[in-house]
Amino acid sequence: MPIRIYKKTTAGRRNASVNMHVEVTKFKPEGSLLEPRPRNGGRNHSGKIVSRGRGGGVKRQYRMVDFKRRDRDGIDAVVTAIEYDPNRGAHIALLTYKDGVKRYIIAPLNIKVGQTIISGNDGPLEPAIGNCMKLRYIPTGLDVHCVELLPGQGAKLCRGAGNYAKLSNREDDYATLILPSGEVRRVHLDCRATIGQVGNGDHRLTMMGKAGKARLKGRRPITRGVAKSHHAHPLGGGSGRSKGNRPPVSPSGVPSKGGNTRNPRKASNRLIIRRRVSTRYGQKK
């Protein structure tokens, strides 16, 4: 996964780098697995902007990735191609099952075209890269990704480029996972996970180098809070550049860096053994 660093020919090239995507083998997506991706510009159902700095960007279609892999149990699938997905940092793998059905999955690290993978049923399978099975059948100590939080819900954890969780141990009806953030969490043994690590780990090493590339991704400029008026932002107003000894917050007053935003009465809190600790402001997230 090489990263090409551009020569310093212009100001925009001075700090720019790009991922070469050498693992990609197919550049035209599968038409039957595409669907339109409507845009909302960061607005909710009532038209209010809830996510600032969004809008514009190049057009792109959504690739329908199979995060459940339950209706294909026991059917061998061959990896037909590795493709680039503009909607995520990880690459996606195109699978062709024996009965001719095609599906997209998150491409694990070191998966090869022509490799045969399978989704697990109630029986144990070989813990090979790309195989999907219940946590009760995965040997402890292995790296897993695309982990379900509830049985049948579909993968929710460790779906980003380069991510993986370590299966630590099993106790009663739960497995203990060590997540990339350092959080230690219990997940039911009937939840499914995929063996291996998510590929394209160099995705985070690239630098855009100029604002134009951010605009192509749909990111608009955001005005600093201290530069706004007092009625537009909690940090705004005043006769000079002053934050009022207040940590960074959003326009609605929610802490931006390291604040506590999780509901303390959430039912899944009992499944978290150790929370990840933020190094900013010494607060837990």
Protein backbone atom coordinates (compact mmCIF):
# COMPACT_ATOMS: atom_id res chain seq x y z
CA MET A 1 0.00 0.00 0.00
CA PRO A 2 2.48 2.66 -1.15
CA ILE A 3 1.93 6.37 -0.63
CA ARG A 4 3.14 8.72 -3.36
CA ILE A 5 4.52 12.02 -2.05
CA TYR A 6 4.40 14.77 -4.66
CA LYS A 7 7.30 17.03 -5.49
CA LYS A 8 7.14 20.58 -4.13
CA THR A 9 6.34 22.17 -7.46
CA THR A 10 3.49 24.36 -6.20
CA ALA A 11 2.05 25.42 -2.87
CA GLY A 12 -0.73 22.88 -3.23
CA ARG A 13 1.71 20.06 -3.97
CA ARG A 14 4.11 20.95 -1.15
CA ASN A 15 2.34 18.89 1.52
CA ALA A 16 0.21 16.62 -0.68
CA SER A 17 0.34 12.85 -0.93
CA VAL A 18 -1.93 10.23 -2.45
CA ASN A 19 -2.66 6.55 -1.94
CA MET A 20 -1.78 4.52 -5.02
CA HIS A 21 -4.44 1.83 -4.30
CA VAL A 22 -2.24 -0.93 -5.69
CA GLU A 23 -4.62 -3.59 -4.30
CA VAL A 24 -7.47 -2.42 -6.54
CA THR A 25 -8.01 -4.78 -9.49
CA LYS A 26 -11.32 -3.51 -10.91
CA PHE A 27 -12.11 0.15 -11.58
CA LYS A 28 -15.71 -0.01 -12.78
CA PRO A 29 -18.24 -0.87 -10.03
CA GLU A 30 -20.83 -3.62 -10.31
CA GLY A 31 -23.98 -1.96 -11.64
CA SER A 32 -26.40 -4.27 -9.84
CA LEU A 33 -24.89 -3.31 -6.46
CA LEU A 34 -25.18 0.46 -6.88
CA GLU A 35 -27.88 2.77 -5.60
CA PRO A 36 -28.28 6.58 -5.55
CA ARG A 37 -26.90 8.49 -2.62
CA PRO A 38 -29.09 11.54 -1.93
CA ARG A 39 -27.43 14.49 -0.28
CA ASN A 40 -28.80 16.67 2.49
CA GLY A 41 -25.96 19.15 3.06
CA GLY A 42 -25.81 18.28 6.77
CA ARG A 43 -29.52 19.05 7.27
CA ASN A 44 -32.04 16.94 9.17
CA HIS A 45 -35.62 16.09 8.14
CA SER A 46 -36.82 19.61 9.03
CA GLY A 47 -34.12 21.40 7.04
CA LYS A 48 -32.02 22.51 10.00
CA ILE A 49 -28.24 22.24 9.65
CA VAL A 50 -27.04 19.77 12.29
CA SER A 51 -23.62 19.04 10.76
CA ARG A 52 -21.72 22.17 9.76
CA GLY A 53 -19.29 22.41 6.88
CA ARG A 54 -20.95 19.95 4.52
CA GLY A 55 -21.96 20.53 0.93
CA GLY A 56 -20.80 20.28 -2.65
CA GLY A 57 -18.34 17.64 -3.70
CA VAL A 58 -18.22 15.24 -6.61
CA LYS A 59 -21.14 12.94 -7.33
CA ARG A 60 -20.86 9.34 -6.16
CA GLN A 61 -23.09 6.32 -5.87
CA TYR A 62 -23.41 4.10 -2.84
CA ARG A 63 -22.01 0.57 -3.02
CA MET A 64 -24.37 -1.81 -1.24
CA VAL A 65 -22.04 -3.64 1.15
CA ASP A 66 -23.32 -6.82 2.80
CA PHE A 67 -22.70 -6.30 6.51
CA LYS A 68 -24.89 -9.22 7.63
CA ARG A 69 -23.81 -12.15 5.41
CA ARG A 70 -26.51 -14.38 6.96
CA ASP A 71 -28.51 -15.42 3.90
CA ARG A 72 -25.36 -16.82 2.25
CA ASP A 73 -24.43 -19.34 4.96
CA GLY A 74 -22.63 -22.44 3.79
CA ILE A 75 -22.20 -21.23 0.20
CA ASP A 76 -18.66 -20.84 -1.09
CA ALA A 77 -17.79 -17.47 -2.59
CA VAL A 78 -14.86 -16.51 -4.78
CA VAL A 79 -13.23 -13.10 -4.51
CA THR A 80 -13.72 -11.70 -8.01
CA ALA A 81 -12.15 -8.25 -7.59
CA ILE A 82 -10.92 -5.63 -5.13
CA GLU A 83 -12.51 -2.23 -5.77
CA TYR A 84 -12.17 1.34 -4.56
CA ASP A 85 -15.13 2.72 -2.63
CA PRO A 86 -15.49 6.54 -2.55
CA ASN A 87 -17.83 6.32 0.45
CA ARG A 88 -15.31 4.82 2.90
CA GLY A 89 -11.60 4.56 3.57
CA ALA A 90 -11.46 0.77 3.22
CA HIS A 91 -11.50 -1.10 -0.04
CA ILE A 92 -14.36 -3.45 -0.89
CA ALA A 93 -14.20 -6.99 -2.28
CA LEU A 94 -16.63 -8.29 -4.88
CA LEU A 95 -17.76 -11.84 -4.10
CA THR A 96 -19.35 -14.22 -6.57
CA TYR A 97 -21.19 -17.16 -4.95
CA LYS A 98 -21.64 -20.56 -6.52
CA ASP A 99 -25.26 -19.78 -7.36
CA GLY A 100 -24.21 -16.62 -9.24
CA VAL A 101 -25.18 -14.06 -6.60
CA LYS A 102 -22.77 -11.14 -6.24
CA ARG A 103 -22.14 -9.20 -3.05
CA TYR A 104 -19.76 -6.56 -1.75
CA ILE A 105 -17.93 -6.95 1.58
CA ILE A 106 -15.25 -4.92 3.35
CA ALA A 107 -11.93 -6.14 1.94
CA PRO A 108 -9.69 -7.65 4.65
CA LEU A 109 -5.94 -7.18 4.65
CA ASN A 110 -3.99 -9.56 2.37
CA ILE A 111 -7.09 -10.98 0.68
CA LYS A 112 -6.38 -12.12 -2.87
CA VAL A 113 -8.44 -12.37 -6.04
CA GLY A 114 -9.47 -15.97 -6.61
CA GLN A 115 -9.52 -16.80 -2.91
CA THR A 116 -12.51 -18.79 -1.64
CA ILE A 117 -14.26 -17.61 1.52
CA ILE A 118 -17.43 -18.70 3.28
CA SER A 119 -19.90 -17.40 5.83
CA GLY A 120 -20.46 -19.55 8.89
CA ASN A 121 -23.59 -21.37 9.94
CA ASP A 122 -24.13 -23.11 13.27
CA GLY A 123 -21.07 -25.31 12.77
CA PRO A 124 -17.40 -24.37 13.14
CA LEU A 125 -15.44 -23.24 10.09
CA GLU A 126 -11.78 -22.77 9.39
CA PRO A 127 -10.70 -19.38 10.79
CA ALA A 128 -9.33 -18.11 7.46
CA ILE A 129 -9.09 -14.46 6.43
CA GLY A 130 -12.45 -13.22 5.17
CA ASN A 131 -14.55 -15.98 6.71
CA CYS A 132 -17.52 -14.73 8.73
CA MET A 133 -18.76 -16.70 11.74
CA LYS A 134 -20.11 -16.37 15.25
CA LEU A 135 -17.73 -15.27 17.98
CA ARG A 136 -18.27 -18.55 19.83
CA TYR A 137 -16.43 -20.41 17.04
CA ILE A 138 -13.49 -18.01 16.58
CA PRO A 139 -10.30 -18.96 18.46
CA THR A 140 -9.23 -16.45 21.10
CA GLY A 141 -6.31 -14.22 20.24
CA LEU A 142 -7.31 -13.65 16.62
CA ASP A 143 -7.93 -10.27 15.00
CA VAL A 144 -11.50 -9.68 13.84
CA HIS A 145 -13.38 -6.86 12.13
CA CYS A 146 -16.95 -6.05 11.08
CA VAL A 147 -18.27 -7.11 14.47
CA GLU A 148 -21.98 -7.09 15.31
CA LEU A 149 -23.23 -5.48 18.51
CA LEU A 150 -26.51 -7.42 18.48
CA PRO A 151 -27.10 -10.81 16.83
CA GLY A 152 -28.49 -10.28 13.34
CA GLN A 153 -28.05 -6.51 13.41
CA GLY A 154 -25.15 -6.39 10.98
CA ALA A 155 -21.56 -5.26 11.44
CA LYS A 156 -21.09 -2.08 13.47
CA LEU A 157 -17.58 -2.20 14.96
CA CYS A 158 -14.16 -2.03 13.26
CA ARG A 159 -15.26 -1.24 9.72
CA GLY A 160 -12.77 1.54 8.94
CA ALA A 161 -9.51 1.18 7.02
CA GLY A 162 -6.83 -0.64 9.03
CA ASN A 163 -9.06 -1.33 12.03
CA TYR A 164 -9.39 -4.59 13.94
CA ALA A 165 -10.42 -5.85 17.35
CA LYS A 166 -8.59 -8.46 19.43
CA LEU A 167 -10.70 -11.36 20.69
CA SER A 168 -9.42 -11.66 24.24
CA ASN A 169 -11.49 -14.37 25.90
CA ARG A 170 -14.95 -15.90 26.28
CA GLU A 171 -16.97 -16.11 29.47
CA ASP A 172 -20.56 -17.34 29.85
CA ASP A 173 -22.51 -16.01 26.85
CA TYR A 174 -20.18 -13.11 26.05
CA ALA A 175 -16.83 -12.56 24.36
CA THR A 176 -14.40 -9.86 25.42
CA LEU A 177 -13.03 -7.63 22.66
CA ILE A 178 -10.21 -5.09 22.82
CA LEU A 179 -11.21 -2.31 20.41
CA PRO A 180 -8.80 -0.01 18.53
CA SER A 181 -9.60 2.88 20.87
CA GLY A 182 -8.47 0.86 23.89
CA GLU A 183 -12.00 0.22 25.05
CA VAL A 184 -12.65 -3.28 26.39
CA ARG A 185 -16.17 -4.43 25.64
CA ARG A 186 -18.29 -7.57 25.98
CA VAL A 187 -20.21 -8.80 22.93
CA HIS A 188 -22.67 -11.69 22.78
CA LEU A 189 -21.26 -14.94 21.39
CA ASP A 190 -24.01 -15.18 18.77
CA CYS A 191 -22.80 -11.96 17.15
CA ARG A 192 -20.82 -12.44 13.97
CA ALA A 193 -17.39 -11.17 13.06
CA THR A 194 -15.03 -11.50 10.10
CA ILE A 195 -11.54 -12.92 10.52
CA GLY A 196 -8.61 -10.59 9.87
CA GLN A 197 -7.88 -6.88 9.75
CA VAL A 198 -9.48 -4.32 7.46
CA GLY A 199 -7.21 -3.50 4.54
CA ASN A 200 -5.93 -0.19 3.15
CA GLY A 201 -4.33 0.82 6.45
CA ASP A 202 -2.30 3.57 4.75
CA HIS A 203 -5.49 5.54 4.14
CA ARG A 204 -4.82 7.72 7.18
CA LEU A 205 -1.29 8.62 6.02
CA THR A 206 -2.35 10.66 3.00
CA MET A 207 -2.50 14.45 3.09
CA MET A 208 -4.77 16.52 0.86
CA GLY A 209 -2.32 19.40 0.64
CA LYS A 210 -4.83 22.03 -0.49
CA ALA A 211 -8.37 23.16 0.23
CA GLY A 212 -9.57 22.21 -3.24
CA LYS A 213 -9.34 18.49 -2.50
CA ALA A 214 -11.39 18.97 0.66
CA ARG A 215 -14.10 20.69 -1.38
CA LEU A 216 -14.19 17.73 -3.77
CA LYS A 217 -14.94 15.51 -0.77
CA GLY A 218 -17.90 17.69 0.19
CA ARG A 219 -16.22 19.59 3.03
CA ARG A 220 -16.94 23.29 3.19
CA PRO A 221 -15.05 25.91 5.23
CA ILE A 222 -15.99 26.31 8.89
CA THR A 223 -15.69 29.65 10.68
CA ARG A 224 -13.98 29.57 14.08
CA GLY A 225 -16.23 30.12 17.05
CA VAL A 226 -14.13 32.98 18.49
CA ALA A 227 -14.49 34.86 15.19
CA LYS A 228 -18.29 34.91 15.42
CA SER A 229 -20.61 37.24 17.28
CA HIS A 230 -21.84 36.46 20.76
CA HIS A 231 -25.31 35.41 19.62
CA ALA A 232 -23.97 32.98 16.98
CA HIS A 233 -21.54 30.95 19.13
CA PRO A 234 -20.78 30.48 22.85
CA LEU A 235 -17.16 31.53 22.26
CA GLY A 236 -18.01 34.56 20.12
CA GLY A 237 -18.25 38.23 20.91
CA GLY A 238 -15.98 40.45 22.97
CA SER A 239 -13.65 43.29 22.10
CA GLY A 240 -10.70 40.99 21.42
CA ARG A 241 -9.76 37.38 20.84
CA SER A 242 -11.03 35.79 24.02
CA LYS A 243 -12.61 32.42 24.73
CA GLY A 244 -13.61 33.34 28.24
CA ASN A 245 -11.48 30.51 29.69
CA ARG A 246 -13.88 28.00 28.18
CA PRO A 247 -12.84 24.82 26.36
CA PRO A 248 -13.83 24.44 22.68
CA VAL A 249 -17.52 23.78 22.17
CA SER A 250 -19.95 23.52 19.28
CA PRO A 251 -22.52 26.24 18.53
CA SER A 252 -24.98 24.35 20.74
CA GLY A 253 -22.52 24.21 23.65
CA VAL A 254 -21.48 20.55 23.36
CA PRO A 255 -17.76 20.02 24.16
CA SER A 256 -15.77 19.51 20.96
CA LYS A 257 -12.66 17.81 22.32
CA GLY A 258 -12.93 15.09 24.90
CA GLY A 259 -16.26 15.98 26.46
CA ASN A 260 -18.67 13.48 27.97
CA THR A 261 -21.47 12.90 25.44
CA ARG A 262 -22.57 9.33 26.20
CA ASN A 263 -25.87 8.81 27.99
CA PRO A 264 -25.04 7.49 31.50
CA ARG A 265 -28.32 5.54 31.55
CA LYS A 266 -27.65 3.66 28.32
CA ALA A 267 -28.41 -0.05 28.70
CA SER A 268 -25.20 -1.17 26.99
CA ASN A 269 -23.03 0.52 29.62
CA ARG A 270 -23.01 -2.73 31.59
CA LEU A 271 -21.19 -4.44 28.70
CA ILE A 272 -18.28 -1.97 28.73
CA ILE A 273 -15.51 -3.22 30.99
CA ARG A 274 -13.09 -0.34 30.42
CA ARG A 275 -13.88 2.93 28.71
CA ARG A 276 -11.39 4.60 26.41
CA VAL A 277 -9.74 7.63 28.00
CA SER A 278 -9.28 10.83 26.06
CA THR A 279 -5.96 12.60 26.51
CA ARG A 280 -7.54 15.98 25.87
CA TYR A 281 -8.55 17.80 29.01
CA GLY A 282 -8.22 14.56 30.98
CA GLN A 283 -11.86 13.61 30.43
CA LYS A 284 -13.45 10.32 29.55
CA LYS A 285 -15.55 10.07 26.44
